[in-house]
Amino acid sequence: MPANSQAPTVSGNLMKNQRLTIFFLIGLTACNSFDKKTNQIAKTDTTKPRVKIIDSLPKTESFNLTKSELDSLRKKEISDSLTAIKTLKLALRIANKKKIKGNFILRSDTLQIKYGNIFNYGQKHLLIKRIFQWGIYLDIFKLQDSTFKKILSKEIQALTYIGDTIRDVNGDNKLDYLVHWYPLAGCCLRDIFDVYLQKENCDFSEEFEFINPTFFLDEKVIRGLCYGWNAPLYKFEWKDFSIDTIEYIYMPDNENKKSCSKKNDKNYVRRKHEDRNEKGEILKGLPNEYKNLKYIDY
């Protein structure tokens, strides 16, 4: 991957701004599994996600929804959106009043507000989390000229959300923002982190999405496991606010007799791209740097 490219994404639009109805449809195409978590597309080393194309989806009529039912569904979506907007406005009103007294944290069942030097000692930030049955809304503001400027916003399905974390992930000693989630359906491990790097001006980068990652701050690299059966391991390297793809390590495919007829599939193979047909370099075993990964025993 070129040094200036963005991080490869694993899901593209699969989980973005989708209602639970769409998750149900996608779940039907993924291994007939519904365990707690949703389908995920394997990482690629290009700037565009490799998206699994579904030839056709049932039309609305296939669900036998009447016009009245459709109208009711639309009204609920509008009501949900208005509720989310009103809650955000309320949170901002509270923050504007309380910021004068200094740092503070407020929590309720549906709203969490945190204000202060959350990410940087020299800059005040406001983190607002709105929590509803249908989704989680995360917003970060920067205090600028006595007003709050929105610098990050994310919406995620409530059933997929695990948590959000503040930590340094790229080894530059700046606190970054991570959103941890797990898709609802799928055949294989799909533990996902969306990463936003803190910039010099205390804003945040665009989103980097990693599947099954382990972050190594001292090396400024990410190692992890791609999505899919017998998926390869990957290694990416941070380059400021982009990443380089270093390699993919393919493991022996001893259970698939057909693929084992290929010489490479009987060995550990290092490849530059996520492509099992690429010739690659045959290795004597799994490199030591991958042996202690969090997901290696999956």
C-alpha atoms as a PDB file:
ATOM      1  CA  MET A   1       0.000   0.000   0.000  1.00  0.00           C
ATOM      2  CA  PRO A   2       1.368   3.444  -0.791  1.00  0.00           C
ATOM      3  CA  ALA A   3       2.615   5.369   2.212  1.00  0.00           C
ATOM      4  CA  ASN A   4       0.002   8.073   1.862  1.00  0.00           C
ATOM      5  CA  SER A   5      -2.998   5.793   1.540  1.00  0.00           C
ATOM      6  CA  GLN A   6      -5.641   5.422   4.193  1.00  0.00           C
ATOM      7  CA  ALA A   7      -6.070   2.349   6.320  1.00  0.00           C
ATOM      8  CA  PRO A   8      -7.871  -0.552   4.656  1.00  0.00           C
ATOM      9  CA  THR A   9     -11.365  -0.964   6.002  1.00  0.00           C
ATOM     10  CA  VAL A  10     -12.984  -4.263   6.816  1.00  0.00           C
ATOM     11  CA  SER A  11     -16.634  -3.470   6.454  1.00  0.00           C
ATOM     12  CA  GLY A  12     -17.042  -0.352   4.333  1.00  0.00           C
ATOM     13  CA  ASN A  13     -20.705   0.547   4.403  1.00  0.00           C
ATOM     14  CA  LEU A  14     -21.813  -2.847   5.755  1.00  0.00           C
ATOM     15  CA  MET A  15     -22.482  -1.559   9.278  1.00  0.00           C
ATOM     16  CA  LYS A  16     -22.722   2.186   8.643  1.00  0.00           C
ATOM     17  CA  ASN A  17     -25.996   3.822   9.411  1.00  0.00           C
ATOM     18  CA  GLN A  18     -27.990   0.613   8.945  1.00  0.00           C
ATOM     19  CA  ARG A  19     -31.164  -0.211  10.816  1.00  0.00           C
ATOM     20  CA  LEU A  20     -31.723  -3.533  12.545  1.00  0.00           C
ATOM     21  CA  THR A  21     -33.872  -4.609   9.586  1.00  0.00           C
ATOM     22  CA  ILE A  22     -30.853  -4.498   7.282  1.00  0.00           C
ATOM     23  CA  PHE A  23     -28.742  -6.386   9.812  1.00  0.00           C
ATOM     24  CA  PHE A  24     -31.361  -9.122   9.736  1.00  0.00           C
ATOM     25  CA  LEU A  25     -31.091  -9.361   5.942  1.00  0.00           C
ATOM     26  CA  ILE A  26     -27.308  -9.517   5.963  1.00  0.00           C
ATOM     27  CA  GLY A  27     -27.396 -12.083   8.741  1.00  0.00           C
ATOM     28  CA  LEU A  28     -29.358 -14.417   6.449  1.00  0.00           C
ATOM     29  CA  THR A  29     -26.436 -14.481   4.010  1.00  0.00           C
ATOM     30  CA  ALA A  30     -23.732 -15.239   6.550  1.00  0.00           C
ATOM     31  CA  CYS A  31     -23.338 -18.896   7.565  1.00  0.00           C
ATOM     32  CA  ASN A  32     -26.858 -18.998   9.062  1.00  0.00           C
ATOM     33  CA  SER A  33     -25.272 -17.711  12.261  1.00  0.00           C
ATOM     34  CA  PHE A  34     -26.749 -15.365  14.807  1.00  0.00           C
ATOM     35  CA  ASP A  35     -24.485 -15.475  17.835  1.00  0.00           C
ATOM     36  CA  LYS A  36     -24.213 -12.074  19.329  1.00  0.00           C
ATOM     37  CA  LYS A  37     -22.073 -10.408  16.855  1.00  0.00           C
ATOM     38  CA  THR A  38     -22.308  -9.389  12.527  1.00  0.00           C
ATOM     39  CA  ASN A  39     -20.597 -10.325   9.273  1.00  0.00           C
ATOM     40  CA  GLN A  40     -17.296  -8.736   8.427  1.00  0.00           C
ATOM     41  CA  ILE A  41     -15.378  -8.395   5.200  1.00  0.00           C
ATOM     42  CA  ALA A  42     -11.678  -9.326   5.259  1.00  0.00           C
ATOM     43  CA  LYS A  43      -9.097  -6.552   5.222  1.00  0.00           C
ATOM     44  CA  THR A  44      -7.385  -5.606   1.976  1.00  0.00           C
ATOM     45  CA  ASP A  45      -4.260  -3.552   1.406  1.00  0.00           C
ATOM     46  CA  THR A  46      -5.975  -1.057  -0.894  1.00  0.00           C
ATOM     47  CA  THR A  47      -7.760   2.175  -0.119  1.00  0.00           C
ATOM     48  CA  LYS A  48     -11.125   0.681  -1.096  1.00  0.00           C
ATOM     49  CA  PRO A  49     -12.769  -2.096   0.926  1.00  0.00           C
ATOM     50  CA  ARG A  50     -13.317  -5.425  -0.777  1.00  0.00           C
ATOM     51  CA  VAL A  51     -17.049  -5.658  -0.373  1.00  0.00           C
ATOM     52  CA  LYS A  52     -19.021  -8.831  -0.755  1.00  0.00           C
ATOM     53  CA  ILE A  53     -21.674  -8.067  -3.348  1.00  0.00           C
ATOM     54  CA  ILE A  54     -25.150  -9.429  -2.751  1.00  0.00           C
ATOM     55  CA  ASP A  55     -26.774  -9.883  -6.159  1.00  0.00           C
ATOM     56  CA  SER A  56     -30.242  -9.009  -4.987  1.00  0.00           C
ATOM     57  CA  LEU A  57     -32.174  -8.325  -1.823  1.00  0.00           C
ATOM     58  CA  PRO A  58     -35.860  -8.986  -1.358  1.00  0.00           C
ATOM     59  CA  LYS A  59     -38.000  -5.996  -2.224  1.00  0.00           C
ATOM     60  CA  THR A  60     -40.066  -4.343   0.461  1.00  0.00           C
ATOM     61  CA  GLU A  61     -43.141  -6.163  -0.826  1.00  0.00           C
ATOM     62  CA  SER A  62     -41.510  -9.481   0.022  1.00  0.00           C
ATOM     63  CA  PHE A  63     -41.964  -8.725   3.705  1.00  0.00           C
ATOM     64  CA  ASN A  64     -45.708  -8.162   3.214  1.00  0.00           C
ATOM     65  CA  LEU A  65     -45.578  -4.752   4.880  1.00  0.00           C
ATOM     66  CA  THR A  66     -48.684  -2.723   4.408  1.00  0.00           C
ATOM     67  CA  LYS A  67     -48.586   0.978   3.635  1.00  0.00           C
ATOM     68  CA  SER A  68     -49.713   1.631   7.184  1.00  0.00           C
ATOM     69  CA  GLU A  69     -46.852  -0.463   8.574  1.00  0.00           C
ATOM     70  CA  LEU A  70     -44.332   1.312   6.352  1.00  0.00           C
ATOM     71  CA  ASP A  71     -45.642   4.686   7.446  1.00  0.00           C
ATOM     72  CA  SER A  72     -45.393   3.612  11.069  1.00  0.00           C
ATOM     73  CA  LEU A  73     -41.798   2.470  10.546  1.00  0.00           C
ATOM     74  CA  ARG A  74     -40.848   5.783   8.938  1.00  0.00           C
ATOM     75  CA  LYS A  75     -42.482   7.723  11.755  1.00  0.00           C
ATOM     76  CA  LYS A  76     -40.521   5.746  14.342  1.00  0.00           C
ATOM     77  CA  GLU A  77     -37.239   6.421  12.512  1.00  0.00           C
ATOM     78  CA  ILE A  78     -38.038  10.126  12.404  1.00  0.00           C
ATOM     79  CA  SER A  79     -38.988  10.079  16.087  1.00  0.00           C
ATOM     80  CA  ASP A  80     -35.722   8.298  16.976  1.00  0.00           C
ATOM     81  CA  SER A  81     -33.700  10.862  15.017  1.00  0.00           C
ATOM     82  CA  LEU A  82     -35.475  13.761  16.706  1.00  0.00           C
ATOM     83  CA  THR A  83     -34.859  12.205  20.115  1.00  0.00           C
ATOM     84  CA  ALA A  84     -31.145  11.890  19.365  1.00  0.00           C
ATOM     85  CA  ILE A  85     -30.949  15.516  18.166  1.00  0.00           C
ATOM     86  CA  LYS A  86     -32.823  16.856  21.195  1.00  0.00           C
ATOM     87  CA  THR A  87     -30.576  14.892  23.548  1.00  0.00           C
ATOM     88  CA  LEU A  88     -27.461  16.335  21.926  1.00  0.00           C
ATOM     89  CA  LYS A  89     -28.814  19.878  22.218  1.00  0.00           C
ATOM     90  CA  LEU A  90     -29.570  19.243  25.879  1.00  0.00           C
ATOM     91  CA  ALA A  91     -26.033  17.945  26.481  1.00  0.00           C
ATOM     92  CA  LEU A  92     -24.511  21.019  24.833  1.00  0.00           C
ATOM     93  CA  ARG A  93     -26.660  23.358  26.934  1.00  0.00           C
ATOM     94  CA  ILE A  94     -25.508  21.579  30.088  1.00  0.00           C
ATOM     95  CA  ALA A  95     -21.867  21.662  28.994  1.00  0.00           C
ATOM     96  CA  ASN A  96     -21.948  25.364  28.162  1.00  0.00           C
ATOM     97  CA  LYS A  97     -23.277  26.173  31.641  1.00  0.00           C
ATOM     98  CA  LYS A  98     -20.959  23.877  33.587  1.00  0.00           C
ATOM     99  CA  LYS A  99     -17.692  24.490  31.668  1.00  0.00           C
ATOM    100  CA  ILE A 100     -17.226  27.771  33.533  1.00  0.00           C
ATOM    101  CA  LYS A 101     -16.697  25.862  36.786  1.00  0.00           C
ATOM    102  CA  GLY A 102     -14.065  23.550  35.280  1.00  0.00           C
ATOM    103  CA  ASN A 103     -13.792  19.882  34.407  1.00  0.00           C
ATOM    104  CA  PHE A 104     -16.798  17.645  35.017  1.00  0.00           C
ATOM    105  CA  ILE A 105     -18.349  14.246  34.283  1.00  0.00           C
ATOM    106  CA  LEU A 106     -22.103  13.566  34.199  1.00  0.00           C
ATOM    107  CA  ARG A 107     -23.783  10.207  33.610  1.00  0.00           C
ATOM    108  CA  SER A 108     -27.321   8.911  33.182  1.00  0.00           C
ATOM    109  CA  ASP A 109     -28.902   5.872  31.523  1.00  0.00           C
ATOM    110  CA  THR A 110     -29.099   7.617  28.140  1.00  0.00           C
ATOM    111  CA  LEU A 111     -26.475  10.356  28.323  1.00  0.00           C
ATOM    112  CA  GLN A 112     -22.839  10.677  29.352  1.00  0.00           C
ATOM    113  CA  ILE A 113     -20.958  13.980  29.273  1.00  0.00           C
ATOM    114  CA  LYS A 114     -17.251  14.389  29.974  1.00  0.00           C
ATOM    115  CA  TYR A 115     -15.447  17.749  29.790  1.00  0.00           C
ATOM    116  CA  GLY A 116     -11.855  18.729  30.446  1.00  0.00           C
ATOM    117  CA  ASN A 117      -8.320  17.850  29.370  1.00  0.00           C
ATOM    118  CA  ILE A 118      -9.463  14.469  28.156  1.00  0.00           C
ATOM    119  CA  PHE A 119      -6.968  14.023  25.318  1.00  0.00           C
ATOM    120  CA  ASN A 120      -4.434  16.836  25.793  1.00  0.00           C
ATOM    121  CA  TYR A 121      -3.230  18.885  28.769  1.00  0.00           C
ATOM    122  CA  GLY A 122      -3.231  22.037  26.673  1.00  0.00           C
ATOM    123  CA  GLN A 123      -6.714  21.655  25.163  1.00  0.00           C
ATOM    124  CA  LYS A 124     -10.209  21.177  26.549  1.00  0.00           C
ATOM    125  CA  HIS A 125     -12.458  18.597  24.877  1.00  0.00           C
ATOM    126  CA  LEU A 126     -16.076  17.634  25.346  1.00  0.00           C
ATOM    127  CA  LEU A 127     -17.101  13.992  24.870  1.00  0.00           C
ATOM    128  CA  ILE A 128     -20.830  13.300  24.584  1.00  0.00           C
ATOM    129  CA  LYS A 129     -22.220   9.771  24.438  1.00  0.00           C
ATOM    130  CA  ARG A 130     -25.930   9.255  23.722  1.00  0.00           C
ATOM    131  CA  ILE A 131     -27.229   5.774  24.480  1.00  0.00           C
ATOM    132  CA  PHE A 132     -30.454   4.434  22.993  1.00  0.00           C
ATOM    133  CA  GLN A 133     -31.875   0.988  22.278  1.00  0.00           C
ATOM    134  CA  TRP A 134     -31.382   1.466  18.542  1.00  0.00           C
ATOM    135  CA  GLY A 135     -27.926   3.035  18.545  1.00  0.00           C
ATOM    136  CA  ILE A 136     -25.002   4.713  20.262  1.00  0.00           C
ATOM    137  CA  TYR A 137     -23.989   8.241  19.233  1.00  0.00           C
ATOM    138  CA  LEU A 138     -20.469   9.455  20.004  1.00  0.00           C
ATOM    139  CA  ASP A 139     -19.487  13.103  19.546  1.00  0.00           C
ATOM    140  CA  ILE A 140     -16.274  14.931  20.426  1.00  0.00           C
ATOM    141  CA  PHE A 141     -16.003  18.717  20.531  1.00  0.00           C
ATOM    142  CA  LYS A 142     -12.982  20.968  20.972  1.00  0.00           C
ATOM    143  CA  LEU A 143     -13.303  24.180  22.977  1.00  0.00           C
ATOM    144  CA  GLN A 144     -12.279  26.964  20.623  1.00  0.00           C
ATOM    145  CA  ASP A 145     -12.815  30.654  21.322  1.00  0.00           C
ATOM    146  CA  SER A 146     -15.191  29.782  24.163  1.00  0.00           C
ATOM    147  CA  THR A 147     -17.418  27.693  21.876  1.00  0.00           C
ATOM    148  CA  PHE A 148     -17.586  23.971  21.157  1.00  0.00           C
ATOM    149  CA  LYS A 149     -16.440  22.914  17.689  1.00  0.00           C
ATOM    150  CA  LYS A 150     -17.429  19.380  16.657  1.00  0.00           C
ATOM    151  CA  ILE A 151     -14.369  17.432  15.482  1.00  0.00           C
ATOM    152  CA  LEU A 152     -15.618  13.820  15.546  1.00  0.00           C
ATOM    153  CA  SER A 153     -18.986  12.127  15.242  1.00  0.00           C
ATOM    154  CA  LYS A 154     -19.885   8.449  15.032  1.00  0.00           C
ATOM    155  CA  GLU A 155     -23.093   6.429  15.159  1.00  0.00           C
ATOM    156  CA  ILE A 156     -23.067   2.703  15.767  1.00  0.00           C
ATOM    157  CA  GLN A 157     -25.715   0.017  16.275  1.00  0.00           C
ATOM    158  CA  ALA A 158     -26.338  -0.563  19.971  1.00  0.00           C
ATOM    159  CA  LEU A 159     -26.139  -4.365  19.728  1.00  0.00           C
ATOM    160  CA  THR A 160     -22.696  -4.229  18.114  1.00  0.00           C
ATOM    161  CA  TYR A 161     -21.124  -1.664  20.448  1.00  0.00           C
ATOM    162  CA  ILE A 162     -18.603  -2.902  23.034  1.00  0.00           C
ATOM    163  CA  GLY A 163     -16.976   0.290  24.249  1.00  0.00           C
ATOM    164  CA  ASP A 164     -14.805   3.306  23.491  1.00  0.00           C
ATOM    165  CA  THR A 165     -11.291   3.901  24.770  1.00  0.00           C
ATOM    166  CA  ILE A 166      -8.779   6.735  25.015  1.00  0.00           C
ATOM    167  CA  ARG A 167      -5.168   5.601  24.539  1.00  0.00           C
ATOM    168  CA  ASP A 168      -2.098   6.018  22.355  1.00  0.00           C
ATOM    169  CA  VAL A 169      -2.144   3.457  19.532  1.00  0.00           C
ATOM    170  CA  ASN A 170       0.543   4.704  17.123  1.00  0.00           C
ATOM    171  CA  GLY A 171       3.387   5.477  19.506  1.00  0.00           C
ATOM    172  CA  ASP A 172       3.446   9.275  19.116  1.00  0.00           C
ATOM    173  CA  ASN A 173       2.629   9.908  22.802  1.00  0.00           C
ATOM    174  CA  LYS A 174      -0.723  11.494  21.934  1.00  0.00           C
ATOM    175  CA  LEU A 175      -3.987  10.075  23.230  1.00  0.00           C
ATOM    176  CA  ASP A 176      -6.139   8.667  20.454  1.00  0.00           C
ATOM    177  CA  TYR A 177      -9.778   7.583  20.368  1.00  0.00           C
ATOM    178  CA  LEU A 178     -10.872   3.988  19.741  1.00  0.00           C
ATOM    179  CA  VAL A 179     -14.374   2.601  19.227  1.00  0.00           C
ATOM    180  CA  HIS A 180     -14.635  -1.144  19.816  1.00  0.00           C
ATOM    181  CA  TRP A 181     -17.482  -3.118  18.210  1.00  0.00           C
ATOM    182  CA  TYR A 182     -18.387  -6.606  17.066  1.00  0.00           C
ATOM    183  CA  PRO A 183     -20.724  -7.280  14.107  1.00  0.00           C
ATOM    184  CA  LEU A 184     -23.847  -9.264  14.859  1.00  0.00           C
ATOM    185  CA  ALA A 185     -23.494 -12.207  12.459  1.00  0.00           C
ATOM    186  CA  GLY A 186     -20.689 -13.977  10.690  1.00  0.00           C
ATOM    187  CA  CYS A 187     -18.797 -17.231  10.504  1.00  0.00           C
ATOM    188  CA  CYS A 188     -15.452 -16.096  11.899  1.00  0.00           C
ATOM    189  CA  LEU A 189     -13.734 -13.889  14.446  1.00  0.00           C
ATOM    190  CA  ARG A 190     -14.487 -10.200  13.740  1.00  0.00           C
ATOM    191  CA  ASP A 191     -13.352  -8.036  16.644  1.00  0.00           C
ATOM    192  CA  ILE A 192     -13.196  -4.515  15.220  1.00  0.00           C
ATOM    193  CA  PHE A 193     -11.582  -1.275  16.367  1.00  0.00           C
ATOM    194  CA  ASP A 194     -12.229   2.052  14.651  1.00  0.00           C
ATOM    195  CA  VAL A 195      -9.272   4.313  15.408  1.00  0.00           C
ATOM    196  CA  TYR A 196      -9.044   8.113  15.308  1.00  0.00           C
ATOM    197  CA  LEU A 197      -5.539   9.557  15.742  1.00  0.00           C
ATOM    198  CA  GLN A 198      -5.062  12.839  17.562  1.00  0.00           C
ATOM    199  CA  LYS A 199      -3.453  15.552  15.431  1.00  0.00           C
ATOM    200  CA  GLU A 200      -1.090  18.351  16.447  1.00  0.00           C
ATOM    201  CA  ASN A 201      -3.995  20.820  16.592  1.00  0.00           C
ATOM    202  CA  CYS A 202      -5.929  18.421  18.871  1.00  0.00           C
ATOM    203  CA  ASP A 203      -8.405  17.491  16.117  1.00  0.00           C
ATOM    204  CA  PHE A 204      -8.698  13.875  14.980  1.00  0.00           C
ATOM    205  CA  SER A 205      -7.768  12.008  11.820  1.00  0.00           C
ATOM    206  CA  GLU A 206     -10.157  10.186   9.575  1.00  0.00           C
ATOM    207  CA  GLU A 207     -11.205   6.721  10.672  1.00  0.00           C
ATOM    208  CA  PHE A 208      -8.859   3.717  10.495  1.00  0.00           C
ATOM    209  CA  GLU A 209     -10.667   0.416  10.840  1.00  0.00           C
ATOM    210  CA  PHE A 210      -8.841  -2.725  11.973  1.00  0.00           C
ATOM    211  CA  ILE A 211     -10.112  -6.254  12.424  1.00  0.00           C
ATOM    212  CA  ASN A 212      -8.715  -8.468  15.213  1.00  0.00           C
ATOM    213  CA  PRO A 213      -5.767  -6.119  15.834  1.00  0.00           C
ATOM    214  CA  THR A 214      -2.950  -5.903  18.369  1.00  0.00           C
ATOM    215  CA  PHE A 215      -1.215  -2.516  18.577  1.00  0.00           C
ATOM    216  CA  PHE A 216       2.543  -2.372  19.165  1.00  0.00           C
ATOM    217  CA  LEU A 217       3.442   1.172  20.226  1.00  0.00           C
ATOM    218  CA  ASP A 218       7.243   0.751  20.379  1.00  0.00           C
ATOM    219  CA  GLU A 219       7.364  -0.581  16.819  1.00  0.00           C
ATOM    220  CA  LYS A 220       4.537   1.643  15.568  1.00  0.00           C
ATOM    221  CA  VAL A 221       2.933  -1.366  13.888  1.00  0.00           C
ATOM    222  CA  ILE A 222      -0.346  -3.258  13.982  1.00  0.00           C
ATOM    223  CA  ARG A 223      -0.463  -7.034  13.753  1.00  0.00           C
ATOM    224  CA  GLY A 224      -3.671  -8.943  13.529  1.00  0.00           C
ATOM    225  CA  LEU A 225      -5.854 -11.602  11.974  1.00  0.00           C
ATOM    226  CA  CYS A 226      -7.896 -11.031   8.812  1.00  0.00           C
ATOM    227  CA  TYR A 227     -11.489 -12.196   8.514  1.00  0.00           C
ATOM    228  CA  GLY A 228     -12.454 -15.610   7.195  1.00  0.00           C
ATOM    229  CA  TRP A 229     -11.760 -19.289   7.549  1.00  0.00           C
ATOM    230  CA  ASN A 230      -7.991 -19.955   7.605  1.00  0.00           C
ATOM    231  CA  ALA A 231      -7.480 -16.198   7.158  1.00  0.00           C
ATOM    232  CA  PRO A 232      -3.936 -14.793   7.041  1.00  0.00           C
ATOM    233  CA  LEU A 233      -2.237 -12.688   9.665  1.00  0.00           C
ATOM    234  CA  TYR A 234      -1.363  -9.123   8.713  1.00  0.00           C
ATOM    235  CA  LYS A 235       1.208  -6.492   9.627  1.00  0.00           C
ATOM    236  CA  PHE A 236       0.699  -2.759   9.024  1.00  0.00           C
ATOM    237  CA  GLU A 237       3.006   0.128   9.886  1.00  0.00           C
ATOM    238  CA  TRP A 238       1.969   3.649  10.849  1.00  0.00           C
ATOM    239  CA  LYS A 239       3.246   6.409   8.563  1.00  0.00           C
ATOM    240  CA  ASP A 240       2.056   9.614  10.230  1.00  0.00           C
ATOM    241  CA  PHE A 241      -1.682   9.623   9.422  1.00  0.00           C
ATOM    242  CA  SER A 242      -1.635   6.727   6.992  1.00  0.00           C
ATOM    243  CA  ILE A 243      -0.407   3.141   7.086  1.00  0.00           C
ATOM    244  CA  ASP A 244       1.791   0.906   4.967  1.00  0.00           C
ATOM    245  CA  THR A 245       0.992  -2.749   4.400  1.00  0.00           C
ATOM    246  CA  ILE A 246       4.107  -4.715   5.331  1.00  0.00           C
ATOM    247  CA  GLU A 247       3.026  -8.314   4.808  1.00  0.00           C
ATOM    248  CA  TYR A 248       0.458 -11.069   5.148  1.00  0.00           C
ATOM    249  CA  ILE A 249       1.377 -14.425   6.705  1.00  0.00           C
ATOM    250  CA  TYR A 250      -0.653 -17.358   5.408  1.00  0.00           C
ATOM    251  CA  MET A 251      -0.802 -20.423   7.614  1.00  0.00           C
ATOM    252  CA  PRO A 252      -0.875 -24.069   6.454  1.00  0.00           C
ATOM    253  CA  ASP A 253      -4.240 -25.240   5.171  1.00  0.00           C
ATOM    254  CA  ASN A 254      -4.052 -28.844   6.381  1.00  0.00           C
ATOM    255  CA  GLU A 255      -7.788 -29.508   6.424  1.00  0.00           C
ATOM    256  CA  ASN A 256      -8.549 -28.617   2.811  1.00  0.00           C
ATOM    257  CA  LYS A 257      -7.179 -31.496   0.723  1.00  0.00           C
ATOM    258  CA  LYS A 258      -7.956 -29.757  -2.530  1.00  0.00           C
ATOM    259  CA  SER A 259      -6.011 -26.626  -1.690  1.00  0.00           C
ATOM    260  CA  CYS A 260      -3.217 -28.662  -0.107  1.00  0.00           C
ATOM    261  CA  SER A 261      -2.430 -29.959  -3.561  1.00  0.00           C
ATOM    262  CA  LYS A 262      -0.755 -26.590  -4.020  1.00  0.00           C
ATOM    263  CA  LYS A 263       2.738 -26.542  -2.578  1.00  0.00           C
ATOM    264  CA  ASN A 264       2.326 -23.164  -0.898  1.00  0.00           C
ATOM    265  CA  ASP A 265      -0.777 -24.210   1.017  1.00  0.00           C
ATOM    266  CA  LYS A 266       1.205 -26.807   2.989  1.00  0.00           C
ATOM    267  CA  ASN A 267       3.507 -24.146   4.429  1.00  0.00           C
ATOM    268  CA  TYR A 268       3.621 -20.787   6.129  1.00  0.00           C
ATOM    269  CA  VAL A 269       3.839 -18.254   3.323  1.00  0.00           C
ATOM    270  CA  ARG A 270       4.712 -14.551   3.453  1.00  0.00           C
ATOM    271  CA  ARG A 271       2.924 -12.462   0.812  1.00  0.00           C
ATOM    272  CA  LYS A 272       2.891  -8.737   0.128  1.00  0.00           C
ATOM    273  CA  HIS A 273      -0.806  -8.687  -0.724  1.00  0.00           C
ATOM    274  CA  GLU A 274      -3.874 -10.405   0.648  1.00  0.00           C
ATOM    275  CA  ASP A 275      -4.001 -12.857  -2.234  1.00  0.00           C
ATOM    276  CA  ARG A 276      -3.651 -16.604  -1.731  1.00  0.00           C
ATOM    277  CA  ASN A 277      -2.702 -17.023  -5.392  1.00  0.00           C
ATOM    278  CA  GLU A 278       0.345 -14.765  -5.035  1.00  0.00           C
ATOM    279  CA  LYS A 279       3.550 -16.807  -5.062  1.00  0.00           C
ATOM    280  CA  GLY A 280       5.088 -15.378  -1.909  1.00  0.00           C
ATOM    281  CA  GLU A 281       7.969 -16.599   0.254  1.00  0.00           C
ATOM    282  CA  ILE A 282       7.771 -20.012   1.903  1.00  0.00           C
ATOM    283  CA  LEU A 283       8.731 -19.889   5.600  1.00  0.00           C
ATOM    284  CA  LYS A 284      10.008 -22.608   7.923  1.00  0.00           C
ATOM    285  CA  GLY A 285       7.394 -21.720  10.517  1.00  0.00           C
ATOM    286  CA  LEU A 286       5.373 -18.916  12.026  1.00  0.00           C
ATOM    287  CA  PRO A 287       7.607 -15.872  12.659  1.00  0.00           C
ATOM    288  CA  ASN A 288       8.189 -15.192  16.364  1.00  0.00           C
ATOM    289  CA  GLU A 289       6.658 -11.707  16.160  1.00  0.00           C
ATOM    290  CA  TYR A 290       3.211 -13.279  15.565  1.00  0.00           C
ATOM    291  CA  LYS A 291       3.297 -16.042  18.188  1.00  0.00           C
ATOM    292  CA  ASN A 292       1.932 -13.973  21.079  1.00  0.00           C
ATOM    293  CA  LEU A 293      -0.877 -12.177  19.255  1.00  0.00           C
ATOM    294  CA  LYS A 294      -4.173 -11.924  21.100  1.00  0.00           C
ATOM    295  CA  TYR A 295      -6.065 -13.748  18.334  1.00  0.00           C
ATOM    296  CA  ILE A 296      -3.429 -16.293  17.264  1.00  0.00           C
ATOM    297  CA  ASP A 297      -5.175 -19.294  18.869  1.00  0.00           C
ATOM    298  CA  TYR A 298      -8.504 -18.669  17.190  1.00  0.00           C
END
